[in-house]
PDB file of all heavy atoms in Angstrom:
ATOM      1  N   VAL A   1     105.697  97.975 109.714  1.00  0.00           N
ATOM      2  CA  VAL A   1     105.045  97.211 110.772  1.00  0.00           C
ATOM      3  C   VAL A   1     104.293  96.051 110.139  1.00  0.00           C
ATOM      4  O   VAL A   1     103.369  96.265 109.340  1.00  0.00           O
ATOM      5  CB  VAL A   1     104.077  98.086 111.592  1.00  0.00           C
ATOM      6  CG1 VAL A   1     103.397  97.239 112.661  1.00  0.00           C
ATOM      7  CG2 VAL A   1     104.811  99.267 112.216  1.00  0.00           C
ATOM      8  N   GLU A   2     104.682  94.832 110.513  1.00  0.00           N
ATOM      9  CA  GLU A   2     104.022  93.642 109.997  1.00  0.00           C
ATOM     10  C   GLU A   2     102.874  93.220 110.915  1.00  0.00           C
ATOM     11  O   GLU A   2     102.898  93.492 112.116  1.00  0.00           O
ATOM     12  CB  GLU A   2     105.005  92.465 109.892  1.00  0.00           C
ATOM     13  CG  GLU A   2     106.223  92.713 109.055  1.00  0.00           C
ATOM     14  CD  GLU A   2     107.420  93.136 109.873  1.00  0.00           C
ATOM     15  OE1 GLU A   2     107.209  93.688 110.976  1.00  0.00           O
ATOM     16  OE2 GLU A   2     108.563  92.909 109.433  1.00  0.00           O
ATOM     17  N   SER A   3     101.925  92.537 110.319  1.00  0.00           N
ATOM     18  CA  SER A   3     100.829  91.955 111.082  1.00  0.00           C
ATOM     19  C   SER A   3     100.270  90.770 110.305  1.00  0.00           C
ATOM     20  O   SER A   3     100.571  90.599 109.119  1.00  0.00           O
ATOM     21  CB  SER A   3      99.733  92.986 111.354  1.00  0.00           C
ATOM     22  OG  SER A   3      99.189  93.468 110.132  1.00  0.00           O
ATOM     23  N   GLY A   4      99.456  89.976 110.996  1.00  0.00           N
ATOM     24  CA  GLY A   4      98.761  88.893 110.321  1.00  0.00           C
ATOM     25  C   GLY A   4      99.295  87.507 110.607  1.00  0.00           C
ATOM     26  O   GLY A   4      98.719  86.513 110.140  1.00  0.00           O
ATOM     27  N   GLY A   5     100.396  87.414 111.361  1.00  0.00           N
ATOM     28  CA  GLY A   5     100.920  86.099 111.685  1.00  0.00           C
ATOM     29  C   GLY A   5     100.024  85.360 112.655  1.00  0.00           C
ATOM     30  O   GLY A   5      99.061  85.922 113.200  1.00  0.00           O
ATOM     31  N   GLY A   6     100.342  84.083 112.864  1.00  0.00           N
ATOM     32  CA  GLY A   6      99.552  83.309 113.807  1.00  0.00           C
ATOM     33  C   GLY A   6      99.861  81.840 113.711  1.00  0.00           C
ATOM     34  O   GLY A   6     100.802  81.426 113.015  1.00  0.00           O
ATOM     35  N   LEU A   7      99.052  81.065 114.405  1.00  0.00           N
ATOM     36  CA  LEU A   7      99.180  79.606 114.418  1.00  0.00           C
ATOM     37  C   LEU A   7      98.103  79.026 113.518  1.00  0.00           C
ATOM     38  O   LEU A   7      96.907  79.287 113.735  1.00  0.00           O
ATOM     39  CB  LEU A   7      99.025  79.089 115.844  1.00  0.00           C
ATOM     40  CG  LEU A   7      98.938  77.570 116.023  1.00  0.00           C
ATOM     41  CD1 LEU A   7     100.221  76.899 115.554  1.00  0.00           C
ATOM     42  CD2 LEU A   7      98.640  77.227 117.478  1.00  0.00           C
ATOM     43  N   VAL A   8      98.518  78.257 112.534  1.00  0.00           N
ATOM     44  CA  VAL A   8      97.577  77.638 111.612  1.00  0.00           C
ATOM     45  C   VAL A   8      97.959  76.179 111.408  1.00  0.00           C
ATOM     46  O   VAL A   8      99.059  75.752 111.770  1.00  0.00           O
ATOM     47  CB  VAL A   8      97.534  78.361 110.255  1.00  0.00           C
ATOM     48  CG1 VAL A   8      97.033  79.787 110.420  1.00  0.00           C
ATOM     49  CG2 VAL A   8      98.891  78.325 109.571  1.00  0.00           C
ATOM     50  N   GLN A   9      97.049  75.443 110.805  1.00  0.00           N
ATOM     51  CA  GLN A   9      97.301  74.036 110.507  1.00  0.00           C
ATOM     52  C   GLN A   9      97.843  73.886 109.085  1.00  0.00           C
ATOM     53  O   GLN A   9      97.615  74.757 108.244  1.00  0.00           O
ATOM     54  CB  GLN A   9      96.019  73.232 110.665  1.00  0.00           C
ATOM     55  CG  GLN A   9      95.498  73.194 112.089  1.00  0.00           C
ATOM     56  CD  GLN A   9      94.297  72.285 112.234  1.00  0.00           C
ATOM     57  OE1 GLN A   9      93.603  71.977 111.275  1.00  0.00           O
ATOM     58  NE2 GLN A   9      94.048  71.831 113.460  1.00  0.00           N
ATOM     59  N   PRO A  10      98.537  72.788 108.826  1.00  0.00           N
ATOM     60  CA  PRO A  10      98.997  72.540 107.453  1.00  0.00           C
ATOM     61  C   PRO A  10      97.843  72.600 106.460  1.00  0.00           C
ATOM     62  O   PRO A  10      96.752  72.076 106.726  1.00  0.00           O
ATOM     63  CB  PRO A  10      99.595  71.137 107.540  1.00  0.00           C
ATOM     64  CG  PRO A  10     100.026  71.011 108.963  1.00  0.00           C
ATOM     65  CD  PRO A  10      99.002  71.753 109.760  1.00  0.00           C
ATOM     66  N   GLY A  11      98.113  73.270 105.343  1.00  0.00           N
ATOM     67  CA  GLY A  11      97.092  73.431 104.321  1.00  0.00           C
ATOM     68  C   GLY A  11      96.294  74.711 104.434  1.00  0.00           C
ATOM     69  O   GLY A  11      95.579  75.094 103.494  1.00  0.00           O
ATOM     70  N   ASP A  12      96.395  75.369 105.566  1.00  0.00           N
ATOM     71  CA  ASP A  12      95.657  76.624 105.776  1.00  0.00           C
ATOM     72  C   ASP A  12      96.310  77.788 105.045  1.00  0.00           C
ATOM     73  O   ASP A  12      97.406  77.656 104.478  1.00  0.00           O
ATOM     74  CB  ASP A  12      95.569  76.937 107.267  1.00  0.00           C
ATOM     75  CG  ASP A  12      94.557  76.072 107.983  1.00  0.00           C
ATOM     76  OD1 ASP A  12      93.824  75.329 107.308  1.00  0.00           O
ATOM     77  OD2 ASP A  12      94.512  76.123 109.230  1.00  0.00           O
ATOM     78  N   SER A  13      95.648  78.919 105.115  1.00  0.00           N
ATOM     79  CA  SER A  13      96.146  80.151 104.494  1.00  0.00           C
ATOM     80  C   SER A  13      96.277  81.258 105.528  1.00  0.00           C
ATOM     81  O   SER A  13      95.571  81.257 106.548  1.00  0.00           O
ATOM     82  CB  SER A  13      95.192  80.615 103.394  1.00  0.00           C
ATOM     83  OG  SER A  13      95.106  79.660 102.356  1.00  0.00           O
ATOM     84  N   LEU A  14      97.161  82.187 105.244  1.00  0.00           N
ATOM     85  CA  LEU A  14      97.319  83.402 106.048  1.00  0.00           C
ATOM     86  C   LEU A  14      97.669  84.530 105.103  1.00  0.00           C
ATOM     87  O   LEU A  14      98.296  84.305 104.062  1.00  0.00           O
ATOM     88  CB  LEU A  14      98.460  83.267 107.057  1.00  0.00           C
ATOM     89  CG  LEU A  14      98.219  82.664 108.434  1.00  0.00           C
ATOM     90  CD1 LEU A  14      99.517  82.639 109.208  1.00  0.00           C
ATOM     91  CD2 LEU A  14      97.158  83.438 109.194  1.00  0.00           C
ATOM     92  N   ARG A  15      97.294  85.741 105.491  1.00  0.00           N
ATOM     93  CA  ARG A  15      97.734  86.918 104.746  1.00  0.00           C
ATOM     94  C   ARG A  15      98.488  87.831 105.691  1.00  0.00           C
ATOM     95  O   ARG A  15      97.922  88.297 106.686  1.00  0.00           O
ATOM     96  CB  ARG A  15      96.582  87.667 104.099  1.00  0.00           C
ATOM     97  CG  ARG A  15      97.092  88.765 103.160  1.00  0.00           C
ATOM     98  CD  ARG A  15      95.992  89.489 102.425  1.00  0.00           C
ATOM     99  NE  ARG A  15      95.401  90.557 103.196  1.00  0.00           N
ATOM    100  CZ  ARG A  15      94.827  91.640 102.680  1.00  0.00           C
ATOM    101  NH1 ARG A  15      94.794  91.788 101.352  1.00  0.00           N
ATOM    102  NH2 ARG A  15      94.280  92.555 103.453  1.00  0.00           N
ATOM    103  N   LEU A  16      99.738  88.064 105.376  1.00  0.00           N
ATOM    104  CA  LEU A  16     100.542  89.001 106.135  1.00  0.00           C
ATOM    105  C   LEU A  16     100.428  90.386 105.515  1.00  0.00           C
ATOM    106  O   LEU A  16     100.327  90.525 104.298  1.00  0.00           O
ATOM    107  CB  LEU A  16     102.008  88.575 106.148  1.00  0.00           C
ATOM    108  CG  LEU A  16     102.310  87.172 106.673  1.00  0.00           C
ATOM    109  CD1 LEU A  16     103.816  86.943 106.693  1.00  0.00           C
ATOM    110  CD2 LEU A  16     101.701  86.946 108.036  1.00  0.00           C
ATOM    111  N   SER A  17     100.444  91.380 106.380  1.00  0.00           N
ATOM    112  CA  SER A  17     100.396  92.767 105.930  1.00  0.00           C
ATOM    113  C   SER A  17     101.607  93.515 106.452  1.00  0.00           C
ATOM    114  O   SER A  17     102.103  93.232 107.541  1.00  0.00           O
ATOM    115  CB  SER A  17      99.124  93.453 106.434  1.00  0.00           C
ATOM    116  OG  SER A  17      97.969  92.814 105.927  1.00  0.00           O
ATOM    117  N   CYS A  18     102.045  94.479 105.679  1.00  0.00           N
ATOM    118  CA  CYS A  18     103.154  95.344 106.077  1.00  0.00           C
ATOM    119  C   CYS A  18     102.728  96.775 105.816  1.00  0.00           C
ATOM    120  O   CYS A  18     102.478  97.156 104.666  1.00  0.00           O
ATOM    121  CB  CYS A  18     104.405  95.001 105.281  1.00  0.00           C
ATOM    122  SG  CYS A  18     105.787  96.131 105.551  1.00  0.00           S
ATOM    123  N   ALA A  19     102.646  97.545 106.882  1.00  0.00           N
ATOM    124  CA  ALA A  19     102.273  98.952 106.773  1.00  0.00           C
ATOM    125  C   ALA A  19     103.534  99.801 106.799  1.00  0.00           C
ATOM    126  O   ALA A  19     104.336  99.706 107.735  1.00  0.00           O
ATOM    127  CB  ALA A  19     101.352  99.337 107.925  1.00  0.00           C
ATOM    128  N   ALA A  20     103.703 100.616 105.757  1.00  0.00           N
ATOM    129  CA  ALA A  20     104.866 101.499 105.675  1.00  0.00           C
ATOM    130  C   ALA A  20     104.487 102.893 106.106  1.00  0.00           C
ATOM    131  O   ALA A  20     103.370 103.337 105.889  1.00  0.00           O
ATOM    132  CB  ALA A  20     105.390 101.509 104.252  1.00  0.00           C
ATOM    133  N   SER A  21     105.452 103.593 106.729  1.00  0.00           N
ATOM    134  CA  SER A  21     105.189 104.948 107.215  1.00  0.00           C
ATOM    135  C   SER A  21     104.787 105.835 106.050  1.00  0.00           C
ATOM    136  O   SER A  21     105.345 105.755 104.964  1.00  0.00           O
ATOM    137  CB  SER A  21     106.415 105.484 107.933  1.00  0.00           C
ATOM    138  OG  SER A  21     107.539 105.403 107.087  1.00  0.00           O
ATOM    139  N   GLY A  22     103.833 106.683 106.346  1.00  0.00           N
ATOM    140  CA  GLY A  22     103.045 107.342 105.327  1.00  0.00           C
ATOM    141  C   GLY A  22     103.662 108.464 104.537  1.00  0.00           C
ATOM    142  O   GLY A  22     104.157 108.257 103.438  1.00  0.00           O
ATOM    143  N   ARG A  23     103.671 109.666 105.059  1.00  0.00           N
ATOM    144  CA  ARG A  23     103.894 110.833 104.232  1.00  0.00           C
ATOM    145  C   ARG A  23     105.256 110.846 103.575  1.00  0.00           C
ATOM    146  O   ARG A  23     105.399 111.337 102.452  1.00  0.00           O
ATOM    147  CB  ARG A  23     103.730 112.100 105.073  1.00  0.00           C
ATOM    148  CG  ARG A  23     102.300 112.361 105.506  1.00  0.00           C
ATOM    149  CD  ARG A  23     102.234 113.616 106.322  1.00  0.00           C
ATOM    150  NE  ARG A  23     102.983 113.488 107.549  1.00  0.00           N
ATOM    151  CZ  ARG A  23     103.210 114.498 108.381  1.00  0.00           C
ATOM    152  NH1 ARG A  23     102.784 115.713 108.084  1.00  0.00           N
ATOM    153  NH2 ARG A  23     103.886 114.294 109.496  1.00  0.00           N
ATOM    154  N   THR A  24     106.277 110.306 104.223  1.00  0.00           N
ATOM    155  CA  THR A  24     107.616 110.375 103.659  1.00  0.00           C
ATOM    156  C   THR A  24     107.998 109.118 102.896  1.00  0.00           C
ATOM    157  O   THR A  24     109.031 109.078 102.269  1.00  0.00           O
ATOM    158  CB  THR A  24     108.661 110.589 104.767  1.00  0.00           C
ATOM    159  OG1 THR A  24     108.558 109.506 105.692  1.00  0.00           O
ATOM    160  CG2 THR A  24     108.407 111.892 105.489  1.00  0.00           C
ATOM    161  N   PHE A  25     107.151 108.085 102.933  1.00  0.00           N
ATOM    162  CA  PHE A  25     107.529 106.819 102.342  1.00  0.00           C
ATOM    163  C   PHE A  25     107.822 106.958 100.861  1.00  0.00           C
ATOM    164  O   PHE A  25     108.793 106.452 100.349  1.00  0.00           O
ATOM    165  CB  PHE A  25     106.429 105.795 102.582  1.00  0.00           C
ATOM    166  CG  PHE A  25     106.735 104.447 102.027  1.00  0.00           C
ATOM    167  CD1 PHE A  25     107.711 103.660 102.590  1.00  0.00           C
ATOM    168  CD2 PHE A  25     106.043 103.956 100.938  1.00  0.00           C
ATOM    169  CE1 PHE A  25     107.995 102.400 102.088  1.00  0.00           C
ATOM    170  CE2 PHE A  25     106.316 102.705 100.421  1.00  0.00           C
ATOM    171  CZ  PHE A  25     107.287 101.922 100.999  1.00  0.00           C
ATOM    172  N   ASN A  26     106.994 107.666 100.143  1.00  0.00           N
ATOM    173  CA  ASN A  26     107.149 107.777  98.698  1.00  0.00           C
ATOM    174  C   ASN A  26     108.397 108.548  98.289  1.00  0.00           C
ATOM    175  O   ASN A  26     108.822 108.466  97.140  1.00  0.00           O
ATOM    176  CB  ASN A  26     105.917 108.418  98.077  1.00  0.00           C
ATOM    177  CG  ASN A  26     104.711 107.509  98.153  1.00  0.00           C
ATOM    178  OD1 ASN A  26     104.844 106.302  98.268  1.00  0.00           O
ATOM    179  ND2 ASN A  26     103.528 108.090  98.093  1.00  0.00           N
ATOM    180  N   ARG A  27     109.005 109.320  99.183  1.00  0.00           N
ATOM    181  CA  ARG A  27     110.186 110.098  98.852  1.00  0.00           C
ATOM    182  C   ARG A  27     111.453 109.267  98.876  1.00  0.00           C
ATOM    183  O   ARG A  27     112.502 109.726  98.483  1.00  0.00           O
ATOM    184  CB  ARG A  27     110.333 111.259  99.840  1.00  0.00           C
ATOM    185  CG  ARG A  27     109.187 112.243  99.787  1.00  0.00           C
ATOM    186  CD  ARG A  27     109.444 113.393 100.746  1.00  0.00           C
ATOM    187  NE  ARG A  27     108.345 114.351 100.761  1.00  0.00           N
ATOM    188  CZ  ARG A  27     108.330 115.430 101.518  1.00  0.00           C
ATOM    189  NH1 ARG A  27     109.338 115.698 102.320  1.00  0.00           N
ATOM    190  NH2 ARG A  27     107.302 116.250 101.485  1.00  0.00           N
ATOM    191  N   TYR A  28     111.380 108.058  99.348  1.00  0.00           N
ATOM    192  CA  TYR A  28     112.587 107.276  99.537  1.00  0.00           C
ATOM    193  C   TYR A  28     112.954 106.445  98.316  1.00  0.00           C
ATOM    194  O   TYR A  28     113.923 105.693  98.358  1.00  0.00           O
ATOM    195  CB  TYR A  28     112.428 106.370 100.762  1.00  0.00           C
ATOM    196  CG  TYR A  28     112.668 107.102 102.060  1.00  0.00           C
ATOM    197  CD1 TYR A  28     111.651 107.843 102.642  1.00  0.00           C
ATOM    198  CD2 TYR A  28     113.896 107.078 102.684  1.00  0.00           C
ATOM    199  CE1 TYR A  28     111.855 108.532 103.818  1.00  0.00           C
ATOM    200  CE2 TYR A  28     114.117 107.753 103.872  1.00  0.00           C
ATOM    201  CZ  TYR A  28     113.089 108.483 104.432  1.00  0.00           C
ATOM    202  OH  TYR A  28     113.309 109.167 105.599  1.00  0.00           O
ATOM    203  N   ASN A  29     112.243 106.558  97.226  1.00  0.00           N
ATOM    204  CA  ASN A  29     112.566 105.828  95.992  1.00  0.00           C
ATOM    205  C   ASN A  29     112.810 104.350  96.262  1.00  0.00           C
ATOM    206  O   ASN A  29     113.836 103.782  95.865  1.00  0.00           O
ATOM    207  CB  ASN A  29     113.781 106.452  95.308  1.00  0.00           C
ATOM    208  CG  ASN A  29     113.485 107.846  94.826  1.00  0.00           C
ATOM    209  OD1 ASN A  29     112.415 108.129  94.295  1.00  0.00           O
ATOM    210  ND2 ASN A  29     114.430 108.752  95.024  1.00  0.00           N
ATOM    211  N   ILE A  30     111.893 103.753  96.956  1.00  0.00           N
ATOM    212  CA  ILE A  30     112.011 102.342  97.266  1.00  0.00           C
ATOM    213  C   ILE A  30     111.956 101.533  95.986  1.00  0.00           C
ATOM    214  O   ILE A  30     111.056 101.705  95.169  1.00  0.00           O
ATOM    215  CB  ILE A  30     110.886 101.898  98.212  1.00  0.00           C
ATOM    216  CG1 ILE A  30     110.922 102.715  99.508  1.00  0.00           C
ATOM    217  CG2 ILE A  30     110.968 100.407  98.504  1.00  0.00           C
ATOM    218  CD1 ILE A  30     112.192 102.564 100.292  1.00  0.00           C
ATOM    219  N   ARG A  31     112.954 100.658  95.787  1.00  0.00           N
ATOM    220  CA  ARG A  31     112.977  99.824  94.590  1.00  0.00           C
ATOM    221  C   ARG A  31     112.152  98.558  94.811  1.00  0.00           C
ATOM    222  O   ARG A  31     111.258  98.268  94.040  1.00  0.00           O
ATOM    223  CB  ARG A  31     114.420  99.468  94.226  1.00  0.00           C
ATOM    224  CG  ARG A  31     114.512  98.604  92.975  1.00  0.00           C
ATOM    225  CD  ARG A  31     115.945  98.309  92.602  1.00  0.00           C
ATOM    226  NE  ARG A  31     116.692  97.630  93.650  1.00  0.00           N
ATOM    227  CZ  ARG A  31     117.866  97.024  93.453  1.00  0.00           C
ATOM    228  NH1 ARG A  31     118.403  97.016  92.239  1.00  0.00           N
ATOM    229  NH2 ARG A  31     118.500  96.444  94.453  1.00  0.00           N
ATOM    230  N   TYR A  32     112.500  97.823  95.834  1.00  0.00           N
ATOM    231  CA  TYR A  32     111.772  96.601  96.149  1.00  0.00           C
ATOM    232  C   TYR A  32     111.169  96.695  97.547  1.00  0.00           C
ATOM    233  O   TYR A  32     111.765  97.286  98.446  1.00  0.00           O
ATOM    234  CB  TYR A  32     112.697  95.379  96.158  1.00  0.00           C
ATOM    235  CG  TYR A  32     113.382  95.060  94.863  1.00  0.00           C
ATOM    236  CD1 TYR A  32     114.764  94.905  94.818  1.00  0.00           C
ATOM    237  CD2 TYR A  32     112.661  94.899  93.687  1.00  0.00           C
ATOM    238  CE1 TYR A  32     115.411  94.601  93.639  1.00  0.00           C
ATOM    239  CE2 TYR A  32     113.296  94.596  92.497  1.00  0.00           C
ATOM    240  CZ  TYR A  32     114.671  94.454  92.483  1.00  0.00           C
ATOM    241  OH  TYR A  32     115.311  94.156  91.316  1.00  0.00           O
ATOM    242  N   MET A  33     110.046  96.078  97.704  1.00  0.00           N
ATOM    243  CA  MET A  33     109.527  95.709  99.005  1.00  0.00           C
ATOM    244  C   MET A  33     109.593  94.193  99.066  1.00  0.00           C
ATOM    245  O   MET A  33     109.127  93.512  98.153  1.00  0.00           O
ATOM    246  CB  MET A  33     108.087  96.194  99.196  1.00  0.00           C
ATOM    247  CG  MET A  33     107.952  97.699  99.286  1.00  0.00           C
ATOM    248  SD  MET A  33     108.765  98.388 100.731  1.00  0.00           S
ATOM    249  CE  MET A  33     107.861  97.580 102.050  1.00  0.00           C
ATOM    250  N   GLY A  34     110.202  93.699 100.120  1.00  0.00           N
ATOM    251  CA  GLY A  34     110.403  92.262 100.193  1.00  0.00           C
ATOM    252  C   GLY A  34     109.880  91.649 101.469  1.00  0.00           C
ATOM    253  O   GLY A  34     109.677  92.335 102.471  1.00  0.00           O
ATOM    254  N   TRP A  35     109.643  90.354 101.384  1.00  0.00           N
ATOM    255  CA  TRP A  35     109.340  89.550 102.565  1.00  0.00           C
ATOM    256  C   TRP A  35     110.466  88.536 102.743  1.00  0.00           C
ATOM    257  O   TRP A  35     110.880  87.879 101.776  1.00  0.00           O
ATOM    258  CB  TRP A  35     108.012  88.812 102.410  1.00  0.00           C
ATOM    259  CG  TRP A  35     106.810  89.682 102.555  1.00  0.00           C
ATOM    260  CD1 TRP A  35     106.079  90.261 101.567  1.00  0.00           C
ATOM    261  CD2 TRP A  35     106.192  90.074 103.789  1.00  0.00           C
ATOM    262  NE1 TRP A  35     105.044  90.994 102.099  1.00  0.00           N
ATOM    263  CE2 TRP A  35     105.090  90.888 103.451  1.00  0.00           C
ATOM    264  CE3 TRP A  35     106.451  89.815 105.133  1.00  0.00           C
ATOM    265  CZ2 TRP A  35     104.250  91.443 104.429  1.00  0.00           C
ATOM    266  CZ3 TRP A  35     105.623  90.362 106.088  1.00  0.00           C
ATOM    267  CH2 TRP A  35     104.535  91.167 105.736  1.00  0.00           C
ATOM    268  N   PHE A  36     110.922  88.432 103.973  1.00  0.00           N
ATOM    269  CA  PHE A  36     111.948  87.476 104.342  1.00  0.00           C
ATOM    270  C   PHE A  36     111.447  86.672 105.527  1.00  0.00           C
ATOM    271  O   PHE A  36     110.492  87.062 106.197  1.00  0.00           O
ATOM    272  CB  PHE A  36     113.254  88.194 104.705  1.00  0.00           C
ATOM    273  CG  PHE A  36     113.904  88.883 103.544  1.00  0.00           C
ATOM    274  CD1 PHE A  36     113.436  90.113 103.094  1.00  0.00           C
ATOM    275  CD2 PHE A  36     114.977  88.307 102.890  1.00  0.00           C
ATOM    276  CE1 PHE A  36     114.026  90.746 102.008  1.00  0.00           C
ATOM    277  CE2 PHE A  36     115.582  88.934 101.803  1.00  0.00           C
ATOM    278  CZ  PHE A  36     115.100  90.160 101.370  1.00  0.00           C
ATOM    279  N   ARG A  37     112.103  85.567 105.804  1.00  0.00           N
ATOM    280  CA  ARG A  37     111.736  84.785 106.978  1.00  0.00           C
ATOM    281  C   ARG A  37     112.991  84.195 107.606  1.00  0.00           C
ATOM    282  O   ARG A  37     114.013  84.010 106.935  1.00  0.00           O
ATOM    283  CB  ARG A  37     110.726  83.697 106.625  1.00  0.00           C
ATOM    284  CG  ARG A  37     111.239  82.611 105.685  1.00  0.00           C
ATOM    285  CD  ARG A  37     110.100  81.698 105.281  1.00  0.00           C
ATOM    286  NE  ARG A  37     110.559  80.604 104.413  1.00  0.00           N
ATOM    287  CZ  ARG A  37     109.742  79.743 103.817  1.00  0.00           C
ATOM    288  NH1 ARG A  37     108.421  79.835 103.983  1.00  0.00           N
ATOM    289  NH2 ARG A  37     110.238  78.781 103.058  1.00  0.00           N
ATOM    290  N   GLN A  38     112.848  83.906 108.882  1.00  0.00           N
ATOM    291  CA  GLN A  38     114.000  83.399 109.618  1.00  0.00           C
ATOM    292  C   GLN A  38     113.531  82.471 110.722  1.00  0.00           C
ATOM    293  O   GLN A  38     112.539  82.758 111.414  1.00  0.00           O
ATOM    294  CB  GLN A  38     114.814  84.554 110.210  1.00  0.00           C
ATOM    295  CG  GLN A  38     116.145  84.140 110.794  1.00  0.00           C
ATOM    296  CD  GLN A  38     117.009  85.342 111.121  1.00  0.00           C
ATOM    297  OE1 GLN A  38     116.538  86.457 111.317  1.00  0.00           O
ATOM    298  NE2 GLN A  38     118.314  85.123 111.159  1.00  0.00           N
TER     299      GLN A  38
END
């Protein structure tokens, strides 16, 4: 689940967050966590 997006002006900053499901997340041997855009 992503959060933190919004409307900003050029030159501004934002921090996006991604919350991964908890108890089973570590069992999935995740290699990369990535950010993409479209």
